[in-house]
Amino acid sequence: AAPETRPKSLSVASSGSGLRDPRFWWLVVPVAPWVFL
């Protein structure tokens, strides 16, 4: 009974938009492996 939150009308952006953000590479990538280690 939970609603969907992703409408079909929303266009998909270029695949690299989030990955190009330097915050992801410097503030998420070094930390991520420690999450489950």
Full PDB file with SEQRES, HELIX, SHEET, SSBOND, CRYST1, ORIGX, SCALE, CONECT and MASTER records, all heavy atoms in Angstrom:
SEQRES   1 A   37  ALA ALA PRO GLU THR ARG PRO LYS SER LEU SER VAL ALA          
SEQRES   2 A   37  SER SER GLY SER GLY LEU ARG ASP PRO ARG PHE TRP TRP          
SEQRES   3 A   37  LEU VAL VAL PRO VAL ALA PRO TRP VAL PHE LEU                  
HELIX    1 AA1 PRO A   22  ARG A   23  1                                   2    
HELIX    2 AA2 PHE A   24  VAL A   28  3                                   5    
HELIX    3 AA3 ALA A   32  PHE A   36  1                                   5    
CRYST1    1.000    1.000    1.000  90.00  90.00  90.00 P 1           1          
ORIGX1      1.000000  0.000000  0.000000        0.00000                         
ORIGX2      0.000000  1.000000  0.000000        0.00000                         
ORIGX3      0.000000  0.000000  1.000000        0.00000                         
SCALE1      1.000000  0.000000  0.000000        0.00000                         
SCALE2      0.000000  1.000000  0.000000        0.00000                         
SCALE3      0.000000  0.000000  1.000000        0.00000                         
ATOM      1  N   ALA A   1       0.802  -1.220   0.000  1.00  0.00           N  
ATOM      2  CA  ALA A   1       0.000   0.000   0.000  1.00  0.00           C  
ATOM      3  C   ALA A   1       0.839   1.277   0.000  1.00  0.00           C  
ATOM      4  O   ALA A   1       0.291   2.378  -0.038  1.00  0.00           O  
ATOM      5  CB  ALA A   1      -0.936   0.012   1.214  1.00  0.00           C  
ATOM      6  N   ALA A   2       2.149   1.163   0.040  1.00  0.00           N  
ATOM      7  CA  ALA A   2       3.013   2.341   0.057  1.00  0.00           C  
ATOM      8  C   ALA A   2       3.051   2.987  -1.330  1.00  0.00           C  
ATOM      9  O   ALA A   2       3.093   2.288  -2.341  1.00  0.00           O  
ATOM     10  CB  ALA A   2       4.417   1.960   0.506  1.00  0.00           C  
ATOM     11  N   PRO A   3       3.041   4.319  -1.411  1.00  0.00           N  
ATOM     12  CA  PRO A   3       3.042   4.986  -2.718  1.00  0.00           C  
ATOM     13  C   PRO A   3       4.411   4.998  -3.364  1.00  0.00           C  
ATOM     14  O   PRO A   3       5.445   4.947  -2.688  1.00  0.00           O  
ATOM     15  CB  PRO A   3       2.587   6.404  -2.370  1.00  0.00           C  
ATOM     16  CG  PRO A   3       3.062   6.606  -0.969  1.00  0.00           C  
ATOM     17  CD  PRO A   3       2.944   5.279  -0.290  1.00  0.00           C  
ATOM     18  N   GLU A   4       4.415   5.080  -4.665  1.00  0.00           N  
ATOM     19  CA  GLU A   4       5.653   5.266  -5.435  1.00  0.00           C  
ATOM     20  C   GLU A   4       6.062   6.725  -5.340  1.00  0.00           C  
ATOM     21  O   GLU A   4       5.231   7.616  -5.203  1.00  0.00           O  
ATOM     22  CB  GLU A   4       5.414   4.864  -6.892  1.00  0.00           C  
ATOM     23  CG  GLU A   4       6.600   5.105  -7.824  1.00  0.00           C  
ATOM     24  CD  GLU A   4       7.823   4.327  -7.385  1.00  0.00           C  
ATOM     25  OE1 GLU A   4       7.825   3.100  -7.527  1.00  0.00           O  
ATOM     26  OE2 GLU A   4       8.768   4.968  -6.898  1.00  0.00           O  
ATOM     27  N   THR A   5       7.378   7.001  -5.373  1.00  0.00           N  
ATOM     28  CA  THR A   5       7.870   8.372  -5.303  1.00  0.00           C  
ATOM     29  C   THR A   5       8.625   8.790  -6.550  1.00  0.00           C  
ATOM     30  O   THR A   5       9.137   9.904  -6.601  1.00  0.00           O  
ATOM     31  CB  THR A   5       8.793   8.546  -4.082  1.00  0.00           C  
ATOM     32  OG1 THR A   5       9.865   7.607  -4.160  1.00  0.00           O  
ATOM     33  CG2 THR A   5       8.021   8.337  -2.788  1.00  0.00           C  
ATOM     34  N   ARG A   6       8.714   7.919  -7.523  1.00  0.00           N  
ATOM     35  CA  ARG A   6       9.466   8.231  -8.744  1.00  0.00           C  
ATOM     36  C   ARG A   6       8.503   8.265  -9.926  1.00  0.00           C  
ATOM     37  O   ARG A   6       8.152   7.237 -10.482  1.00  0.00           O  
ATOM     38  CB  ARG A   6      10.542   7.169  -8.979  1.00  0.00           C  
ATOM     39  CG  ARG A   6      11.301   7.295 -10.307  1.00  0.00           C  
ATOM     40  CD  ARG A   6      12.082   8.603 -10.345  1.00  0.00           C  
ATOM     41  NE  ARG A   6      12.962   8.685 -11.484  1.00  0.00           N  
ATOM     42  CZ  ARG A   6      12.616   9.187 -12.675  1.00  0.00           C  
ATOM     43  NH1 ARG A   6      11.392   9.604 -12.876  1.00  0.00           N  
ATOM     44  NH2 ARG A   6      13.506   9.252 -13.655  1.00  0.00           N  
ATOM     45  N   PRO A   7       8.027   9.483 -10.320  1.00  0.00           N  
ATOM     46  CA  PRO A   7       7.097   9.557 -11.437  1.00  0.00           C  
ATOM     47  C   PRO A   7       7.780   9.290 -12.761  1.00  0.00           C  
ATOM     48  O   PRO A   7       8.949   9.621 -12.963  1.00  0.00           O  
ATOM     49  CB  PRO A   7       6.580  10.989 -11.366  1.00  0.00           C  
ATOM     50  CG  PRO A   7       7.678  11.759 -10.714  1.00  0.00           C  
ATOM     51  CD  PRO A   7       8.317  10.807  -9.739  1.00  0.00           C  
ATOM     52  N   LYS A   8       7.045   8.712 -13.688  1.00  0.00           N  
ATOM     53  CA  LYS A   8       7.609   8.394 -15.000  1.00  0.00           C  
ATOM     54  C   LYS A   8       7.923   9.644 -15.805  1.00  0.00           C  
ATOM     55  O   LYS A   8       8.734   9.607 -16.726  1.00  0.00           O  
ATOM     56  CB  LYS A   8       6.631   7.520 -15.781  1.00  0.00           C  
ATOM     57  CG  LYS A   8       6.397   6.161 -15.139  1.00  0.00           C  
ATOM     58  CD  LYS A   8       5.408   5.341 -15.948  1.00  0.00           C  
ATOM     59  CE  LYS A   8       5.170   3.984 -15.285  1.00  0.00           C  
ATOM     60  NZ  LYS A   8       4.173   3.169 -16.027  1.00  0.00           N  
ATOM     61  N   SER A   9       7.297  10.759 -15.441  1.00  0.00           N  
ATOM     62  CA  SER A   9       7.499  11.978 -16.220  1.00  0.00           C  
ATOM     63  C   SER A   9       8.802  12.680 -15.904  1.00  0.00           C  
ATOM     64  O   SER A   9       9.213  13.586 -16.610  1.00  0.00           O  
ATOM     65  CB  SER A   9       6.346  12.952 -15.960  1.00  0.00           C  
ATOM     66  OG  SER A   9       6.301  13.297 -14.590  1.00  0.00           O  
ATOM     67  N   LEU A  10       9.477  12.268 -14.810  1.00  0.00           N  
ATOM     68  CA  LEU A  10      10.714  12.938 -14.418  1.00  0.00           C  
ATOM     69  C   LEU A  10      11.855  12.468 -15.304  1.00  0.00           C  
ATOM     70  O   LEU A  10      12.159  11.291 -15.377  1.00  0.00           O  
ATOM     71  CB  LEU A  10      11.055  12.636 -12.959  1.00  0.00           C  
ATOM     72  CG  LEU A  10      12.219  13.421 -12.345  1.00  0.00           C  
ATOM     73  CD1 LEU A  10      11.908  14.905 -12.329  1.00  0.00           C  
ATOM     74  CD2 LEU A  10      12.528  12.930 -10.956  1.00  0.00           C  
ATOM     75  N   SER A  11      12.499  13.386 -15.984  1.00  0.00           N  
ATOM     76  CA  SER A  11      13.581  13.021 -16.891  1.00  0.00           C  
ATOM     77  C   SER A  11      14.797  12.579 -16.108  1.00  0.00           C  
ATOM     78  O   SER A  11      15.070  13.064 -15.016  1.00  0.00           O  
ATOM     79  CB  SER A  11      13.956  14.208 -17.780  1.00  0.00           C  
ATOM     80  OG  SER A  11      14.398  15.288 -16.996  1.00  0.00           O  
ATOM     81  N   VAL A  12      15.536  11.651 -16.697  1.00  0.00           N  
ATOM     82  CA  VAL A  12      16.746  11.139 -16.060  1.00  0.00           C  
ATOM     83  C   VAL A  12      17.928  11.980 -16.498  1.00  0.00           C  
ATOM     84  O   VAL A  12      18.178  12.156 -17.685  1.00  0.00           O  
ATOM     85  CB  VAL A  12      16.981   9.663 -16.443  1.00  0.00           C  
ATOM     86  CG1 VAL A  12      18.269   9.170 -15.825  1.00  0.00           C  
ATOM     87  CG2 VAL A  12      15.797   8.826 -15.986  1.00  0.00           C  
ATOM     88  N   ALA A  13      18.673  12.488 -15.538  1.00  0.00           N  
ATOM     89  CA  ALA A  13      19.828  13.330 -15.834  1.00  0.00           C  
ATOM     90  C   ALA A  13      20.991  12.501 -16.313  1.00  0.00           C  
ATOM     91  O   ALA A  13      20.961  11.282 -16.297  1.00  0.00           O  
ATOM     92  CB  ALA A  13      20.220  14.121 -14.576  1.00  0.00           C  
ATOM     93  N   SER A  14      22.031  13.182 -16.736  1.00  0.00           N  
ATOM     94  CA  SER A  14      23.216  12.469 -17.190  1.00  0.00           C  
ATOM     95  C   SER A  14      23.766  11.622 -16.069  1.00  0.00           C  
ATOM     96  O   SER A  14      23.737  11.990 -14.905  1.00  0.00           O  
ATOM     97  CB  SER A  14      24.275  13.476 -17.650  1.00  0.00           C  
ATOM     98  OG  SER A  14      24.653  14.302 -16.588  1.00  0.00           O  
ATOM     99  N   SER A  15      24.302  10.444 -16.424  1.00  0.00           N  
ATOM    100  CA  SER A  15      24.667   9.456 -15.431  1.00  0.00           C  
ATOM    101  C   SER A  15      25.799   9.902 -14.517  1.00  0.00           C  
ATOM    102  O   SER A  15      25.974   9.372 -13.445  1.00  0.00           O  
ATOM    103  CB  SER A  15      25.066   8.137 -16.122  1.00  0.00           C  
ATOM    104  OG  SER A  15      26.171   8.362 -16.967  1.00  0.00           O  
ATOM    105  N   GLY A  16      26.571  10.900 -14.942  1.00  0.00           N  
ATOM    106  CA  GLY A  16      27.721  11.273 -14.132  1.00  0.00           C  
ATOM    107  C   GLY A  16      27.504  12.457 -13.224  1.00  0.00           C  
ATOM    108  O   GLY A  16      28.430  12.901 -12.574  1.00  0.00           O  
ATOM    109  N   SER A  17      26.287  13.042 -13.176  1.00  0.00           N  
ATOM    110  CA  SER A  17      26.095  14.295 -12.465  1.00  0.00           C  
ATOM    111  C   SER A  17      26.439  14.188 -10.986  1.00  0.00           C  
ATOM    112  O   SER A  17      27.104  15.064 -10.443  1.00  0.00           O  
ATOM    113  CB  SER A  17      24.651  14.780 -12.645  1.00  0.00           C  
ATOM    114  OG  SER A  17      23.747  13.783 -12.222  1.00  0.00           O  
ATOM    115  N   GLY A  18      25.987  13.140 -10.306  1.00  0.00           N  
ATOM    116  CA  GLY A  18      26.308  12.996  -8.906  1.00  0.00           C  
ATOM    117  C   GLY A  18      27.750  12.568  -8.685  1.00  0.00           C  
ATOM    118  O   GLY A  18      28.394  13.005  -7.737  1.00  0.00           O  
ATOM    119  N   LEU A  19      28.262  11.723  -9.549  1.00  0.00           N  
ATOM    120  CA  LEU A  19      29.620  11.211  -9.397  1.00  0.00           C  
ATOM    121  C   LEU A  19      30.680  12.277  -9.644  1.00  0.00           C  
ATOM    122  O   LEU A  19      31.822  12.109  -9.235  1.00  0.00           O  
ATOM    123  CB  LEU A  19      29.845  10.037 -10.351  1.00  0.00           C  
ATOM    124  CG  LEU A  19      29.105   8.750  -9.997  1.00  0.00           C  
ATOM    125  CD1 LEU A  19      29.272   7.726 -11.113  1.00  0.00           C  
ATOM    126  CD2 LEU A  19      29.615   8.183  -8.681  1.00  0.00           C  
ATOM    127  N   ARG A  20      30.319  13.350 -10.313  1.00  0.00           N  
ATOM    128  CA  ARG A  20      31.308  14.386 -10.584  1.00  0.00           C  
ATOM    129  C   ARG A  20      31.493  15.350  -9.419  1.00  0.00           C  
ATOM    130  O   ARG A  20      32.422  16.169  -9.422  1.00  0.00           O  
ATOM    131  CB  ARG A  20      30.907  15.173 -11.838  1.00  0.00           C  
ATOM    132  CG  ARG A  20      31.167  14.421 -13.140  1.00  0.00           C  
ATOM    133  CD  ARG A  20      31.170  15.384 -14.312  1.00  0.00           C  
ATOM    134  NE  ARG A  20      29.854  15.971 -14.518  1.00  0.00           N  
ATOM    135  CZ  ARG A  20      28.956  15.522 -15.377  1.00  0.00           C  
ATOM    136  NH1 ARG A  20      29.223  14.446 -16.105  1.00  0.00           N  
ATOM    137  NH2 ARG A  20      27.795  16.124 -15.523  1.00  0.00           N  
ATOM    138  N   ASP A  21      30.625  15.266  -8.427  1.00  0.00           N  
ATOM    139  CA  ASP A  21      30.728  16.183  -7.295  1.00  0.00           C  
ATOM    140  C   ASP A  21      31.958  15.825  -6.456  1.00  0.00           C  
ATOM    141  O   ASP A  21      32.100  14.696  -5.992  1.00  0.00           O  
ATOM    142  CB  ASP A  21      29.461  16.072  -6.435  1.00  0.00           C  
ATOM    143  CG  ASP A  21      29.340  17.214  -5.444  1.00  0.00           C  
ATOM    144  OD1 ASP A  21      30.328  17.474  -4.714  1.00  0.00           O  
ATOM    145  OD2 ASP A  21      28.265  17.839  -5.389  1.00  0.00           O  
ATOM    146  N   PRO A  22      32.868  16.788  -6.229  1.00  0.00           N  
ATOM    147  CA  PRO A  22      34.076  16.467  -5.445  1.00  0.00           C  
ATOM    148  C   PRO A  22      33.766  16.053  -4.020  1.00  0.00           C  
ATOM    149  O   PRO A  22      34.559  15.338  -3.394  1.00  0.00           O  
ATOM    150  CB  PRO A  22      34.891  17.764  -5.494  1.00  0.00           C  
ATOM    151  CG  PRO A  22      33.909  18.836  -5.846  1.00  0.00           C  
ATOM    152  CD  PRO A  22      32.888  18.179  -6.713  1.00  0.00           C  
ATOM    153  N   ARG A  23      32.635  16.485  -3.463  1.00  0.00           N  
ATOM    154  CA  ARG A  23      32.296  16.069  -2.109  1.00  0.00           C  
ATOM    155  C   ARG A  23      32.123  14.552  -2.034  1.00  0.00           C  
ATOM    156  O   ARG A  23      32.442  13.933  -1.019  1.00  0.00           O  
ATOM    157  CB  ARG A  23      31.015  16.760  -1.641  1.00  0.00           C  
ATOM    158  CG  ARG A  23      31.171  18.228  -1.295  1.00  0.00           C  
ATOM    159  CD  ARG A  23      29.911  18.740  -0.613  1.00  0.00           C  
ATOM    160  NE  ARG A  23      29.657  18.021   0.611  1.00  0.00           N  
ATOM    161  CZ  ARG A  23      30.188  18.322   1.792  1.00  0.00           C  
ATOM    162  NH1 ARG A  23      31.030  19.331   1.899  1.00  0.00           N  
ATOM    163  NH2 ARG A  23      29.903  17.613   2.859  1.00  0.00           N  
ATOM    164  N   PHE A  24      31.593  13.966  -3.096  1.00  0.00           N  
ATOM    165  CA  PHE A  24      31.412  12.520  -3.080  1.00  0.00           C  
ATOM    166  C   PHE A  24      32.756  11.814  -3.027  1.00  0.00           C  
ATOM    167  O   PHE A  24      32.949  10.860  -2.267  1.00  0.00           O  
ATOM    168  CB  PHE A  24      30.626  12.081  -4.313  1.00  0.00           C  
ATOM    169  CG  PHE A  24      30.351  10.598  -4.357  1.00  0.00           C  
ATOM    170  CD1 PHE A  24      29.365  10.041  -3.564  1.00  0.00           C  
ATOM    171  CD2 PHE A  24      31.095   9.760  -5.170  1.00  0.00           C  
ATOM    172  CE1 PHE A  24      29.116   8.680  -3.579  1.00  0.00           C  
ATOM    173  CE2 PHE A  24      30.858   8.395  -5.212  1.00  0.00           C  
ATOM    174  CZ  PHE A  24      29.864   7.856  -4.401  1.00  0.00           C  
ATOM    175  N   TRP A  25      33.709  12.295  -3.802  1.00  0.00           N  
ATOM    176  CA  TRP A  25      35.009  11.618  -3.891  1.00  0.00           C  
ATOM    177  C   TRP A  25      35.860  11.839  -2.651  1.00  0.00           C  
ATOM    178  O   TRP A  25      36.619  10.955  -2.254  1.00  0.00           O  
ATOM    179  CB  TRP A  25      35.757  12.103  -5.129  1.00  0.00           C  
ATOM    180  CG  TRP A  25      35.140  11.555  -6.378  1.00  0.00           C  
ATOM    181  CD1 TRP A  25      34.300  12.194  -7.232  1.00  0.00           C  
ATOM    182  CD2 TRP A  25      35.281  10.228  -6.863  1.00  0.00           C  
ATOM    183  NE1 TRP A  25      33.908  11.340  -8.237  1.00  0.00           N  
ATOM    184  CE2 TRP A  25      34.496  10.129  -8.052  1.00  0.00           C  
ATOM    185  CE3 TRP A  25      35.989   9.109  -6.437  1.00  0.00           C  
ATOM    186  CZ2 TRP A  25      34.410   8.959  -8.779  1.00  0.00           C  
ATOM    187  CZ3 TRP A  25      35.912   7.944  -7.176  1.00  0.00           C  
ATOM    188  CH2 TRP A  25      35.132   7.873  -8.337  1.00  0.00           C  
ATOM    189  N   TRP A  26      35.744  13.006  -2.020  1.00  0.00           N  
ATOM    190  CA  TRP A  26      36.611  13.303  -0.888  1.00  0.00           C  
ATOM    191  C   TRP A  26      35.961  13.061   0.473  1.00  0.00           C  
ATOM    192  O   TRP A  26      36.664  12.817   1.455  1.00  0.00           O  
ATOM    193  CB  TRP A  26      37.071  14.770  -0.959  1.00  0.00           C  
ATOM    194  CG  TRP A  26      38.072  15.008  -2.038  1.00  0.00           C  
ATOM    195  CD1 TRP A  26      37.876  15.692  -3.196  1.00  0.00           C  
ATOM    196  CD2 TRP A  26      39.426  14.559  -2.072  1.00  0.00           C  
ATOM    197  NE1 TRP A  26      39.021  15.697  -3.951  1.00  0.00           N  
ATOM    198  CE2 TRP A  26      39.996  15.011  -3.288  1.00  0.00           C  
ATOM    199  CE3 TRP A  26      40.218  13.814  -1.193  1.00  0.00           C  
ATOM    200  CZ2 TRP A  26      41.305  14.748  -3.638  1.00  0.00           C  
ATOM    201  CZ3 TRP A  26      41.532  13.546  -1.548  1.00  0.00           C  
ATOM    202  CH2 TRP A  26      42.061  14.011  -2.756  1.00  0.00           C  
ATOM    203  N   LEU A  27      34.629  13.106   0.536  1.00  0.00           N  
ATOM    204  CA  LEU A  27      33.962  13.017   1.828  1.00  0.00           C  
ATOM    205  C   LEU A  27      33.064  11.795   1.975  1.00  0.00           C  
ATOM    206  O   LEU A  27      32.588  11.536   3.077  1.00  0.00           O  
ATOM    207  CB  LEU A  27      33.131  14.284   2.077  1.00  0.00           C  
ATOM    208  CG  LEU A  27      33.932  15.589   2.117  1.00  0.00           C  
ATOM    209  CD1 LEU A  27      33.007  16.765   2.375  1.00  0.00           C  
ATOM    210  CD2 LEU A  27      35.035  15.540   3.165  1.00  0.00           C  
ATOM    211  N   VAL A  28      32.831  11.052   0.905  1.00  0.00           N  
ATOM    212  CA  VAL A  28      32.044   9.824   0.985  1.00  0.00           C  
ATOM    213  C   VAL A  28      32.886   8.602   0.652  1.00  0.00           C  
ATOM    214  O   VAL A  28      32.894   7.613   1.396  1.00  0.00           O  
ATOM    215  CB  VAL A  28      30.804   9.886   0.073  1.00  0.00           C  
ATOM    216  CG1 VAL A  28      30.042   8.560   0.091  1.00  0.00           C  
ATOM    217  CG2 VAL A  28      29.875  11.014   0.504  1.00  0.00           C  
ATOM    218  N   VAL A  29      33.604   8.640  -0.459  1.00  0.00           N  
ATOM    219  CA  VAL A  29      34.367   7.473  -0.913  1.00  0.00           C  
ATOM    220  C   VAL A  29      35.373   6.987   0.128  1.00  0.00           C  
ATOM    221  O   VAL A  29      35.458   5.776   0.393  1.00  0.00           O  
ATOM    222  CB  VAL A  29      35.062   7.775  -2.258  1.00  0.00           C  
ATOM    223  CG1 VAL A  29      36.024   6.651  -2.638  1.00  0.00           C  
ATOM    224  CG2 VAL A  29      34.015   7.968  -3.357  1.00  0.00           C  
ATOM    225  N   PRO A  30      36.167   7.861   0.786  1.00  0.00           N  
ATOM    226  CA  PRO A  30      37.118   7.334   1.789  1.00  0.00           C  
ATOM    227  C   PRO A  30      36.430   6.717   3.007  1.00  0.00           C  
ATOM    228  O   PRO A  30      36.992   5.827   3.654  1.00  0.00           O  
ATOM    229  CB  PRO A  30      37.933   8.572   2.190  1.00  0.00           C  
ATOM    230  CG  PRO A  30      37.706   9.574   1.117  1.00  0.00           C  
ATOM    231  CD  PRO A  30      36.325   9.322   0.614  1.00  0.00           C  
ATOM    232  N   VAL A  31      35.234   7.184   3.320  1.00  0.00           N  
ATOM    233  CA  VAL A  31      34.533   6.720   4.516  1.00  0.00           C  
ATOM    234  C   VAL A  31      33.765   5.431   4.251  1.00  0.00           C  
ATOM    235  O   VAL A  31      33.652   4.566   5.130  1.00  0.00           O  
ATOM    236  CB  VAL A  31      33.572   7.822   5.018  1.00  0.00           C  
ATOM    237  CG1 VAL A  31      32.764   7.344   6.212  1.00  0.00           C  
ATOM    238  CG2 VAL A  31      34.354   9.073   5.383  1.00  0.00           C  
ATOM    239  N   ALA A  32      33.236   5.284   3.039  1.00  0.00           N  
ATOM    240  CA  ALA A  32      32.288   4.205   2.738  1.00  0.00           C  
ATOM    241  C   ALA A  32      32.787   2.804   3.109  1.00  0.00           C  
ATOM    242  O   ALA A  32      32.031   2.036   3.726  1.00  0.00           O  
ATOM    243  CB  ALA A  32      31.905   4.268   1.255  1.00  0.00           C  
ATOM    244  N   PRO A  33      34.014   2.390   2.775  1.00  0.00           N  
ATOM    245  CA  PRO A  33      34.418   1.021   3.125  1.00  0.00           C  
ATOM    246  C   PRO A  33      34.410   0.727   4.618  1.00  0.00           C  
ATOM    247  O   PRO A  33      34.225  -0.427   5.030  1.00  0.00           O  
ATOM    248  CB  PRO A  33      35.836   0.918   2.552  1.00  0.00           C  
ATOM    249  CG  PRO A  33      35.881   1.931   1.456  1.00  0.00           C  
ATOM    250  CD  PRO A  33      35.037   3.061   1.962  1.00  0.00           C  
ATOM    251  N   TRP A  34      34.578   1.764   5.447  1.00  0.00           N  
ATOM    252  CA  TRP A  34      34.581   1.550   6.893  1.00  0.00           C  
ATOM    253  C   TRP A  34      33.184   1.259   7.436  1.00  0.00           C  
ATOM    254  O   TRP A  34      33.052   0.743   8.555  1.00  0.00           O  
ATOM    255  CB  TRP A  34      35.158   2.773   7.609  1.00  0.00           C  
ATOM    256  CG  TRP A  34      36.602   2.993   7.311  1.00  0.00           C  
ATOM    257  CD1 TRP A  34      37.142   3.870   6.428  1.00  0.00           C  
ATOM    258  CD2 TRP A  34      37.719   2.293   7.886  1.00  0.00           C  
ATOM    259  NE1 TRP A  34      38.512   3.771   6.408  1.00  0.00           N  
ATOM    260  CE2 TRP A  34      38.896   2.809   7.300  1.00  0.00           C  
ATOM    261  CE3 TRP A  34      37.828   1.288   8.845  1.00  0.00           C  
ATOM    262  CZ2 TRP A  34      40.156   2.336   7.638  1.00  0.00           C  
ATOM    263  CZ3 TRP A  34      39.093   0.825   9.180  1.00  0.00           C  
ATOM    264  CH2 TRP A  34      40.237   1.347   8.585  1.00  0.00           C  
ATOM    265  N   VAL A  35      32.152   1.591   6.663  1.00  0.00           N  
ATOM    266  CA  VAL A  35      30.778   1.383   7.121  1.00  0.00           C  
ATOM    267  C   VAL A  35      30.546  -0.078   7.483  1.00  0.00           C  
ATOM    268  O   VAL A  35      30.021  -0.408   8.554  1.00  0.00           O  
ATOM    269  CB  VAL A  35      29.783   1.852   6.047  1.00  0.00           C  
ATOM    270  CG1 VAL A  35      28.362   1.397   6.383  1.00  0.00           C  
ATOM    271  CG2 VAL A  35      29.828   3.373   5.899  1.00  0.00           C  
ATOM    272  N   PHE A  36      30.948  -0.993   6.589  1.00  0.00           N  
ATOM    273  CA  PHE A  36      30.729  -2.410   6.846  1.00  0.00           C  
ATOM    274  C   PHE A  36      31.983  -3.141   7.290  1.00  0.00           C  
ATOM    275  O   PHE A  36      31.899  -4.276   7.761  1.00  0.00           O  
ATOM    276  CB  PHE A  36      30.139  -3.094   5.621  1.00  0.00           C  
ATOM    277  CG  PHE A  36      28.665  -2.848   5.462  1.00  0.00           C  
ATOM    278  CD1 PHE A  36      28.116  -2.615   4.209  1.00  0.00           C  
ATOM    279  CD2 PHE A  36      27.826  -2.844   6.558  1.00  0.00           C  
ATOM    280  CE1 PHE A  36      26.761  -2.380   4.057  1.00  0.00           C  
ATOM    281  CE2 PHE A  36      26.472  -2.610   6.422  1.00  0.00           C  
ATOM    282  CZ  PHE A  36      25.932  -2.375   5.168  1.00  0.00           C  
ATOM    283  N   LEU A  37      33.155  -2.511   7.131  1.00  0.00           N  
ATOM    284  CA  LEU A  37      34.351  -3.150   7.689  1.00  0.00           C  
ATOM    285  C   LEU A  37      34.216  -3.278   9.203  1.00  0.00           C  
ATOM    286  O   LEU A  37      34.551  -4.328   9.777  1.00  0.00           O  
ATOM    287  CB  LEU A  37      35.598  -2.344   7.331  1.00  0.00           C  
ATOM    288  CG  LEU A  37      36.931  -2.953   7.771  1.00  0.00           C  
ATOM    289  CD1 LEU A  37      38.032  -2.593   6.779  1.00  0.00           C  
ATOM    290  CD2 LEU A  37      37.360  -2.510   9.177  1.00  0.00           C  
TER     291      LEU A  37                                                      
MASTER        0    0    0    3    0    0    0    6  290    1    0    3          
END                                                                             
